[in-house]
């Protein structure tokens, strides 16, 4: 049993760490005012107040956020930013959850730990995501964007350009999709917290999948390193795609384009798919939040030119592979779990191999790539539904209801800057056709 002195020391460590991070000018400029990192931190607040929904905790979060505002903006004179306010709320939640985890007893401590430890790991994974993407860029000086672009064109509908033009003319659609894209942490936070309230520690499989899918996906980026049509076309995206005749005569080869190699599979799409799948048996409004993000994150990934359409297709079996990998309620050799792992992994690898080594096969007929895409998505959802077709788990006693909570979280990879390249994109100077 932990002594009172030890608890006091640990509490002081948690509070001093939060104070140091909140008052650090370097951490403020590098992380706290980043929209992605701020929303990931705010996700900690969502998890905090969903799992411990009391007015006391809500007021402590508000008080902590205002304390950081007073220190950073009034005393240290940091440049005010909205993202900073969101980050301060997240830091306050982490500090409160950490202290409560130290002092709580029994089941209450378990509940606080289920909120605190995953929140910390989500934030850490987001902070170091850029480092892994930078590593991938250093080992691949050339990318396979022409190959992925060729596949998308073989559908005879260049979907990223169609959606990109719609984004350029429809501000409401564009802004809604961009907010969803940047706020990827929201559905992850709601779904994880909802599952903790429903099944307690069994929700850790959701947490494990949400965290591990990031680094595993970055490893998969190395099979077919690519950036996205906005990086390939530059200022010609989305108004000047090549004609089908030009694309059929295009010499497919790796090309040097600077930027993060984070196109295929689309991790944004994989994350929101996991959120949707894990939202089963949660409330209708939690399911609605997850579905909203599936739709608008899917639109944003291609409409912004950060992904090709095929990136989203391959995200389906990849997400299935990760879910099946962590479906520990089933024995390791259970046929449904093995089917999910096998189809998910082999289908993902088969697509990556075909796109890289046999790209011209898809031009035989537009029916071929469309059929393969439909089959991949349909079988992915079929095997996933079988994976989840299990007897319902006995629910734990839910936490006492109380304060309302904000809405957001999770790890998520950073949204790449599109147009800051010194080198001209490969297809940037193609004239209007």
Protein backbone atom coordinates (compact mmCIF):
# COMPACT_ATOMS: atom_id res chain seq x y z
CA UNK A 1 0.00 0.00 0.00
CA UNK A 2 1.44 3.36 -1.05
CA UNK A 3 2.37 5.62 1.84
CA UNK A 4 0.94 9.11 2.20
CA UNK A 5 4.38 10.68 1.70
CA UNK A 6 4.85 8.79 -1.54
CA UNK A 7 1.44 9.91 -2.77
CA UNK A 8 2.29 13.52 -1.94
CA UNK A 9 5.59 13.23 -3.81
CA UNK A 10 3.96 11.64 -6.87
CA UNK A 11 1.21 14.27 -6.89
CA UNK A 12 3.81 17.03 -6.73
CA UNK A 13 5.67 15.43 -9.64
CA UNK A 14 2.51 15.31 -11.77
CA UNK A 15 1.60 18.93 -11.02
CA UNK A 16 5.14 20.22 -11.55
CA UNK A 17 5.42 18.36 -14.88
CA UNK A 18 2.15 19.88 -16.09
CA UNK A 19 3.27 23.34 -14.90
CA UNK A 20 6.64 22.99 -16.64
CA UNK A 21 5.07 21.94 -19.95
CA UNK A 22 2.45 24.67 -19.74
CA UNK A 23 5.00 27.39 -19.05
CA UNK A 24 7.67 26.26 -21.52
CA UNK A 25 7.98 28.70 -24.42
CA UNK A 26 9.52 26.02 -26.64
CA UNK A 27 6.77 23.49 -25.90
CA UNK A 28 4.16 26.21 -26.40
CA UNK A 29 5.41 27.12 -29.88
CA UNK A 30 6.24 23.56 -30.98
CA UNK A 31 3.15 21.79 -29.70
CA UNK A 32 0.54 23.63 -27.65
CA UNK A 33 -0.49 26.03 -30.43
CA UNK A 34 -0.63 23.27 -33.06
CA UNK A 35 -4.28 22.54 -33.88
CA UNK A 36 -3.63 18.80 -34.10
CA UNK A 37 -1.77 18.59 -30.83
CA UNK A 38 -4.25 20.90 -29.09
CA UNK A 39 -7.17 18.70 -30.10
CA UNK A 40 -5.30 15.61 -28.99
CA UNK A 41 -4.75 17.25 -25.60
CA UNK A 42 -8.38 18.32 -25.50
CA UNK A 43 -9.20 14.67 -26.10
CA UNK A 44 -7.76 14.01 -22.68
CA UNK A 45 -10.42 16.36 -21.30
CA UNK A 46 -13.13 14.46 -23.14
CA UNK A 47 -11.94 11.13 -21.77
CA UNK A 48 -11.57 12.68 -18.31
CA UNK A 49 -15.07 14.15 -18.12
CA UNK A 50 -16.78 11.23 -19.84
CA UNK A 51 -15.29 8.71 -17.44
CA UNK A 52 -15.51 10.99 -14.35
CA UNK A 53 -18.50 13.20 -15.19
CA UNK A 54 -18.73 15.42 -12.12
CA UNK A 55 -19.12 19.17 -11.77
CA UNK A 56 -16.17 19.19 -9.42
CA UNK A 57 -13.83 17.82 -12.10
CA UNK A 58 -15.30 20.10 -14.77
CA UNK A 59 -14.72 23.18 -12.59
CA UNK A 60 -11.17 22.05 -11.81
CA UNK A 61 -10.44 21.75 -15.54
CA UNK A 62 -11.76 25.26 -16.15
CA UNK A 63 -9.76 26.63 -13.21
CA UNK A 64 -6.60 24.88 -14.41
CA UNK A 65 -7.01 26.18 -17.96
CA UNK A 66 -7.45 29.76 -16.72
CA UNK A 67 -4.40 29.37 -14.48
CA UNK A 68 -2.31 28.46 -17.55
CA UNK A 69 -3.85 31.39 -19.45
CA UNK A 70 -2.87 33.79 -16.68
CA UNK A 71 0.67 32.44 -16.49
CA UNK A 72 1.36 32.20 -20.24
CA UNK A 73 -0.51 35.21 -21.58
CA UNK A 74 -0.34 37.65 -18.68
CA UNK A 75 2.95 36.87 -16.95
CA UNK A 76 5.10 35.23 -19.65
CA UNK A 77 3.49 37.20 -22.51
CA UNK A 78 3.18 34.29 -24.95
CA UNK A 79 1.29 35.14 -28.13
CA UNK A 80 -2.37 34.18 -27.44
CA UNK A 81 -3.85 31.44 -29.62
CA UNK A 82 -7.15 29.58 -29.55
CA UNK A 83 -5.28 26.28 -29.83
CA UNK A 84 -3.40 27.27 -26.69
CA UNK A 85 -6.65 27.52 -24.72
CA UNK A 86 -7.62 24.01 -25.85
CA UNK A 87 -4.18 22.69 -24.90
CA UNK A 88 -4.42 24.27 -21.46
CA UNK A 89 -7.69 22.43 -20.80
CA UNK A 90 -6.03 19.17 -21.84
CA UNK A 91 -2.99 19.78 -19.61
CA UNK A 92 -5.29 20.58 -16.70
CA UNK A 93 -7.21 17.34 -17.25
CA UNK A 94 -4.02 15.29 -17.38
CA UNK A 95 -2.83 16.83 -14.12
CA UNK A 96 -6.20 16.25 -12.40
CA UNK A 97 -6.48 12.68 -13.64
CA UNK A 98 -2.92 11.95 -12.57
CA UNK A 99 -3.48 13.22 -9.02
CA UNK A 100 -6.84 11.47 -8.72
CA UNK A 101 -5.27 8.20 -9.91
CA UNK A 102 -2.70 8.48 -7.11
CA UNK A 103 -5.17 9.16 -4.32
CA UNK A 104 -8.17 7.09 -5.41
CA UNK A 105 -8.83 3.64 -3.96
CA UNK A 106 -10.08 0.32 -5.38
CA UNK A 107 -12.43 0.48 -8.35
CA UNK A 108 -12.27 4.26 -8.39
CA UNK A 109 -8.50 4.12 -8.91
CA UNK A 110 -8.92 1.60 -11.73
CA UNK A 111 -11.40 3.90 -13.44
CA UNK A 112 -9.08 6.91 -13.09
CA UNK A 113 -6.13 4.92 -14.41
CA UNK A 114 -8.19 3.82 -17.43
CA UNK A 115 -8.66 7.51 -18.19
CA UNK A 116 -5.20 8.83 -17.27
CA UNK A 117 -2.72 6.34 -18.76
CA UNK A 118 -4.35 6.05 -22.22
CA UNK A 119 -4.72 9.83 -22.39
CA UNK A 120 -1.00 10.30 -21.67
CA UNK A 121 -0.03 7.69 -24.25
CA UNK A 122 -2.34 9.22 -26.86
CA UNK A 123 -0.66 12.60 -26.35
CA UNK A 124 2.84 11.13 -26.46
CA UNK A 125 2.11 9.21 -29.67
CA UNK A 126 0.83 12.39 -31.34
CA UNK A 127 3.89 14.37 -30.20
CA UNK A 128 6.33 11.87 -31.73
CA UNK A 129 4.31 11.08 -34.88
CA UNK A 130 6.19 13.69 -36.93
CA UNK A 131 9.50 12.07 -36.04
CA UNK A 132 8.43 8.76 -37.55
CA UNK A 133 7.13 10.47 -40.69
CA UNK A 134 10.42 12.36 -41.02
CA UNK A 135 12.27 9.07 -40.72
CA UNK A 136 10.22 7.60 -43.57
CA UNK A 137 11.05 10.61 -45.75
CA UNK A 138 14.78 10.22 -45.13
CA UNK A 139 14.94 6.61 -46.32
CA UNK A 140 12.85 7.15 -49.48
CA UNK A 141 14.14 9.92 -51.71
CA UNK A 142 11.56 9.06 -54.38
CA UNK A 143 7.83 8.35 -54.22
CA UNK A 144 5.28 6.32 -56.19
CA UNK A 145 2.63 8.99 -56.62
CA UNK A 146 2.44 8.45 -60.39
CA UNK A 147 1.48 4.83 -59.77
CA UNK A 148 -1.33 5.70 -57.37
CA UNK A 149 -2.51 8.49 -59.63
CA UNK A 150 -2.57 6.05 -62.54
CA UNK A 151 -4.76 3.66 -60.56
CA UNK A 152 -7.22 6.39 -59.59
CA UNK A 153 -7.45 7.45 -63.24
CA UNK A 154 -8.06 3.85 -64.34
CA UNK A 155 -11.46 4.18 -62.60
CA UNK A 156 -12.23 6.77 -65.33
CA UNK A 157 -13.27 9.18 -62.57
CA UNK A 158 -10.46 11.15 -60.97
CA UNK A 159 -12.18 11.35 -57.58
CA UNK A 160 -9.66 13.60 -55.74
CA UNK A 161 -9.96 16.21 -58.50
CA UNK A 162 -13.76 16.04 -58.58
CA UNK A 163 -13.97 16.47 -54.81
CA UNK A 164 -11.16 19.02 -54.80
CA UNK A 165 -13.10 21.21 -57.23
CA UNK A 166 -16.20 20.85 -55.06
CA UNK A 167 -14.18 21.89 -52.03
CA UNK A 168 -12.88 24.93 -53.91
CA UNK A 169 -16.41 26.15 -54.67
CA UNK A 170 -18.34 24.95 -51.57
CA UNK A 171 -16.96 26.60 -48.46
CA UNK A 172 -19.42 24.90 -46.10
CA UNK A 173 -18.49 21.41 -47.28
CA UNK A 174 -14.77 22.24 -47.30
CA UNK A 175 -14.72 23.74 -43.82
CA UNK A 176 -16.85 20.98 -42.31
CA UNK A 177 -14.60 18.32 -43.80
CA UNK A 178 -11.42 20.10 -42.71
CA UNK A 179 -12.69 20.49 -39.14
CA UNK A 180 -13.45 16.75 -39.10
CA UNK A 181 -10.02 15.96 -40.53
CA UNK A 182 -8.19 18.05 -37.96
CA UNK A 183 -10.50 16.90 -35.14
CA UNK A 184 -9.80 13.22 -35.61
CA UNK A 185 -9.32 12.96 -31.86
CA UNK A 186 -13.03 13.62 -31.21
CA UNK A 187 -14.53 10.27 -32.25
CA UNK A 188 -11.63 8.32 -30.80
CA UNK A 189 -12.08 10.02 -27.42
CA UNK A 190 -15.83 9.52 -27.35
CA UNK A 191 -15.66 5.88 -28.40
CA UNK A 192 -12.87 4.90 -26.02
CA UNK A 193 -14.50 6.68 -23.06
CA UNK A 194 -17.87 5.20 -23.96
CA UNK A 195 -16.45 1.70 -24.00
CA UNK A 196 -14.72 2.26 -20.64
CA UNK A 197 -18.07 3.28 -19.17
CA UNK A 198 -19.68 0.20 -20.75
CA UNK A 199 -17.17 -2.60 -20.18
CA UNK A 200 -14.41 -1.13 -18.01
CA UNK A 201 -10.91 -2.54 -18.53
CA UNK A 202 -12.06 -4.56 -21.54
CA UNK A 203 -12.04 -1.26 -23.45
CA UNK A 204 -8.24 -1.44 -23.42
CA UNK A 205 -8.41 -3.38 -26.69
CA UNK A 206 -9.83 -0.22 -28.30
CA UNK A 207 -7.05 1.84 -26.78
CA UNK A 208 -4.39 -0.59 -27.98
CA UNK A 209 -5.77 -0.60 -31.53
CA UNK A 210 -6.07 3.20 -31.69
CA UNK A 211 -2.47 3.67 -30.52
CA UNK A 212 -0.72 0.86 -32.40
CA UNK A 213 -2.37 1.53 -35.76
CA UNK A 214 -0.32 4.73 -36.10
CA UNK A 215 3.22 3.33 -35.94
CA UNK A 216 2.19 0.15 -37.81
CA UNK A 217 0.65 2.30 -40.56
CA UNK A 218 3.84 4.35 -40.82
CA UNK A 219 5.76 1.12 -41.37
CA UNK A 220 3.31 0.20 -44.16
CA UNK A 221 3.92 3.60 -45.78
CA UNK A 222 7.34 2.30 -46.75
CA UNK A 223 5.93 -0.32 -49.12
CA UNK A 224 4.58 2.29 -51.53
CA UNK A 225 5.85 5.69 -50.30
CA UNK A 226 3.67 8.49 -51.64
CA UNK A 227 2.33 11.93 -50.70
CA UNK A 228 -0.94 12.74 -52.47
CA UNK A 229 -2.15 14.49 -55.65
CA UNK A 230 -1.87 17.98 -54.13
CA UNK A 231 1.87 17.37 -53.72
CA UNK A 232 2.22 15.78 -57.17
CA UNK A 233 0.33 18.48 -59.06
CA UNK A 234 1.03 21.51 -56.91
CA UNK A 235 -0.86 24.56 -58.17
CA UNK A 236 -2.55 22.46 -60.87
CA UNK A 237 -4.61 20.64 -58.21
CA UNK A 238 -7.60 20.38 -58.44
CA UNK A 239 -8.36 22.19 -61.71
CA UNK A 240 -5.93 20.64 -64.19
CA UNK A 241 -5.86 16.84 -64.09
CA UNK A 242 -4.31 14.99 -67.00
CA UNK A 243 -6.62 13.55 -69.64
CA UNK A 244 -7.09 9.79 -69.76
CA UNK A 245 -5.16 9.69 -73.03
CA UNK A 246 -2.21 11.47 -71.41
CA UNK A 247 -2.28 9.17 -68.40
CA UNK A 248 -2.24 6.01 -70.51
CA UNK A 249 0.99 7.29 -72.11
CA UNK A 250 2.49 8.44 -68.82
CA UNK A 251 5.85 6.86 -67.95
CA UNK A 252 5.37 5.40 -64.47
CA UNK A 253 8.48 5.75 -62.36
CA UNK A 254 9.39 6.88 -58.84
CA UNK A 255 9.81 10.65 -58.68
CA UNK A 256 11.53 12.95 -56.15
CA UNK A 257 9.00 15.06 -54.23
CA UNK A 258 9.75 16.43 -50.74
CA UNK A 259 7.29 15.84 -47.94
CA UNK A 260 5.99 13.16 -45.55
CA UNK A 261 5.40 9.74 -47.15
CA UNK A 262 2.00 9.17 -45.55
CA UNK A 263 -0.49 8.36 -48.32
CA UNK A 264 -1.29 4.64 -48.42
CA UNK A 265 -3.00 3.25 -46.45
CA UNK A 266 -4.88 6.32 -45.20
CA UNK A 267 -4.47 6.29 -41.44
CA UNK A 268 -7.13 8.97 -41.01
CA UNK A 269 -9.63 6.67 -42.72
CA UNK A 270 -8.44 3.65 -40.75
CA UNK A 271 -8.83 5.50 -37.44
CA UNK A 272 -12.39 6.63 -38.10
CA UNK A 273 -13.32 3.15 -39.32
CA UNK A 274 -12.05 1.71 -36.04
CA UNK A 275 -14.02 4.36 -34.16
CA UNK A 276 -17.18 3.39 -36.05
CA UNK A 277 -16.65 -0.33 -35.52
CA UNK A 278 -15.85 0.09 -31.83
CA UNK A 279 -18.90 2.33 -31.33
CA UNK A 280 -21.19 -0.71 -31.46
CA UNK A 281 -23.47 -0.96 -28.43
CA UNK A 282 -22.79 2.65 -27.47
CA UNK A 283 -25.52 5.29 -27.46
CA UNK A 284 -27.14 6.53 -30.66
CA UNK A 285 -25.47 9.93 -30.40
CA UNK A 286 -22.02 8.35 -29.95
CA UNK A 287 -22.67 6.23 -33.04
CA UNK A 288 -23.79 9.35 -34.90
CA UNK A 289 -20.56 11.16 -33.98
CA UNK A 290 -18.50 8.23 -35.27
CA UNK A 291 -20.46 8.04 -38.54
CA UNK A 292 -20.18 11.80 -39.07
CA UNK A 293 -16.41 11.47 -38.92
CA UNK A 294 -16.33 8.45 -41.23
CA UNK A 295 -18.16 10.48 -43.87
CA UNK A 296 -16.41 13.82 -43.57
CA UNK A 297 -12.91 12.52 -42.88
CA UNK A 298 -13.32 10.33 -45.95
CA UNK A 299 -14.28 13.38 -48.00
CA UNK A 300 -11.46 15.48 -46.55
CA UNK A 301 -8.72 12.95 -47.23
CA UNK A 302 -9.28 13.06 -50.98
CA UNK A 303 -10.85 16.51 -51.36
CA UNK A 304 -7.77 18.20 -49.92
CA UNK A 305 -5.50 16.25 -52.25
CA UNK A 306 -3.67 14.62 -49.36
CA UNK A 307 -4.75 11.14 -50.46
CA UNK A 308 -5.69 9.17 -53.54
CA UNK A 309 -8.98 7.27 -53.63
CA UNK A 310 -7.15 3.93 -53.48
CA UNK A 311 -5.61 4.99 -50.14
CA UNK A 312 -9.09 4.87 -48.60
CA UNK A 313 -9.88 1.48 -50.11
CA UNK A 314 -6.71 -0.09 -48.70
CA UNK A 315 -7.48 1.48 -45.31
CA UNK A 316 -10.45 -0.91 -44.92
CA UNK A 317 -8.52 -4.21 -44.80
CA UNK A 318 -5.70 -2.51 -42.89
CA UNK A 319 -8.11 -1.35 -40.16
CA UNK A 320 -9.64 -4.85 -40.09
CA UNK A 321 -6.17 -6.36 -39.62
CA UNK A 322 -5.49 -4.13 -36.61
CA UNK A 323 -8.92 -4.77 -35.05
CA UNK A 324 -8.58 -8.53 -35.44
CA UNK A 325 -5.05 -8.41 -34.05
CA UNK A 326 -6.38 -6.93 -30.79
CA UNK A 327 -9.62 -8.93 -30.59
CA UNK A 328 -8.26 -10.68 -27.50
CA UNK A 329 -11.73 -11.72 -26.33
CA UNK A 330 -11.31 -14.47 -28.96
CA UNK A 331 -8.66 -17.20 -28.72
CA UNK A 332 -5.58 -16.53 -30.92
CA UNK A 333 -6.51 -19.35 -33.32
CA UNK A 334 -10.25 -18.68 -33.40
CA UNK A 335 -11.40 -18.94 -37.02
CA UNK A 336 -13.12 -15.53 -37.04
CA UNK A 337 -10.07 -13.80 -35.62
CA UNK A 338 -7.73 -15.62 -37.99
CA UNK A 339 -9.97 -14.75 -40.92
CA UNK A 340 -9.86 -11.06 -40.01
CA UNK A 341 -6.09 -11.04 -39.55
CA UNK A 342 -5.43 -13.08 -42.70
CA UNK A 343 -7.75 -11.21 -45.04
CA UNK A 344 -6.82 -7.83 -43.61
CA UNK A 345 -3.06 -8.33 -43.85
CA UNK A 346 -2.94 -10.25 -47.14
CA UNK A 347 -5.40 -7.94 -48.86
CA UNK A 348 -3.42 -4.88 -47.76
CA UNK A 349 -0.12 -6.38 -48.94
CA UNK A 350 -1.67 -7.61 -52.20
CA UNK A 351 -2.92 -4.12 -53.04
CA UNK A 352 0.45 -2.54 -52.22
CA UNK A 353 2.29 -5.11 -54.36
CA UNK A 354 -0.11 -4.75 -57.30
CA UNK A 355 0.01 -0.95 -57.22
CA UNK A 356 3.79 -0.91 -57.14
CA UNK A 357 4.67 -3.75 -59.53
CA UNK A 358 1.72 -4.22 -61.92
CA UNK A 359 0.01 -0.80 -62.22
CA UNK A 360 -0.85 -1.17 -65.91
CA UNK A 361 -3.05 -4.23 -65.28
CA UNK A 362 -5.81 -1.99 -63.94
CA UNK A 363 -6.19 -0.28 -67.33
CA UNK A 364 -7.60 -3.43 -68.96
CA UNK A 365 -11.11 -2.14 -68.25
CA UNK A 366 -12.55 0.32 -65.73
CA UNK A 367 -14.73 -2.57 -64.51
CA UNK A 368 -11.63 -4.33 -63.15
CA UNK A 369 -10.41 -1.70 -60.63
CA UNK A 370 -13.97 -0.84 -59.60
CA UNK A 371 -14.79 -4.51 -58.99
CA UNK A 372 -11.61 -5.05 -56.98
CA UNK A 373 -12.33 -1.97 -54.85
CA UNK A 374 -15.91 -3.03 -54.16
CA UNK A 375 -14.90 -6.60 -53.30
CA UNK A 376 -12.14 -5.39 -50.97
CA UNK A 377 -14.44 -3.04 -49.05
CA UNK A 378 -17.35 -5.51 -48.97
CA UNK A 379 -15.23 -8.41 -47.71
CA UNK A 380 -13.52 -6.13 -45.21
CA UNK A 381 -16.86 -5.16 -43.68
CA UNK A 382 -18.08 -8.76 -43.86
CA UNK A 383 -15.12 -10.18 -41.93
CA UNK A 384 -15.32 -7.31 -39.46
CA UNK A 385 -18.99 -7.99 -38.76
CA UNK A 386 -18.18 -11.66 -38.08
CA UNK A 387 -15.37 -10.58 -35.78
CA UNK A 388 -17.83 -8.57 -33.69
CA UNK A 389 -20.62 -11.15 -33.73
CA UNK A 390 -19.90 -12.30 -30.17
CA UNK A 391 -22.07 -12.75 -27.06
CA UNK A 392 -22.45 -9.39 -25.27
CA UNK A 393 -19.98 -8.72 -22.49
CA UNK A 394 -21.35 -8.24 -19.00
CA UNK A 395 -21.43 -4.47 -18.48
CA UNK A 396 -19.75 -2.90 -15.50
CA UNK A 397 -21.62 -0.56 -13.24
CA UNK A 398 -21.43 2.81 -15.02
CA UNK A 399 -19.84 5.84 -13.42
CA UNK A 400 -22.25 8.22 -11.74
CA UNK A 401 -23.67 10.69 -14.20
CA UNK A 402 -22.99 14.34 -13.65
CA UNK A 403 -21.35 17.11 -15.56
CA UNK A 404 -21.43 17.40 -19.26
CA UNK A 405 -18.11 17.01 -21.00
CA UNK A 406 -16.40 18.60 -24.00
CA UNK A 407 -15.89 16.58 -27.12
CA UNK A 408 -12.56 15.30 -28.59
CA UNK A 409 -9.23 13.15 -28.57
CA UNK A 410 -6.63 10.71 -29.58
CA UNK A 411 -3.58 10.14 -31.30
CA UNK A 412 -3.52 11.19 -34.75
CA UNK A 413 -0.85 11.91 -37.31
CA UNK A 414 -0.13 15.55 -38.24
CA UNK A 415 -1.79 17.12 -41.31
CA UNK A 416 1.08 17.73 -43.77
CA UNK A 417 1.77 21.16 -45.13
CA UNK A 418 0.91 21.05 -48.80
CA UNK A 419 2.60 23.89 -50.61
CA UNK A 420 5.84 24.73 -48.79
CA UNK A 421 8.12 22.77 -51.11
CA UNK A 422 11.17 24.34 -52.65
CA UNK A 423 11.15 21.81 -55.49
CA UNK A 424 8.35 22.16 -58.02
CA UNK A 425 5.84 19.28 -57.94
CA UNK A 426 6.35 16.85 -60.79
CA UNK A 427 3.10 17.73 -62.58
CA UNK A 428 2.84 21.33 -61.41
CA UNK A 429 3.62 22.95 -64.72
CA UNK A 430 1.21 21.03 -66.95
CA UNK A 431 -0.90 23.59 -68.87
CA UNK A 432 -4.69 23.71 -68.62
CA UNK A 433 -6.13 20.94 -70.82
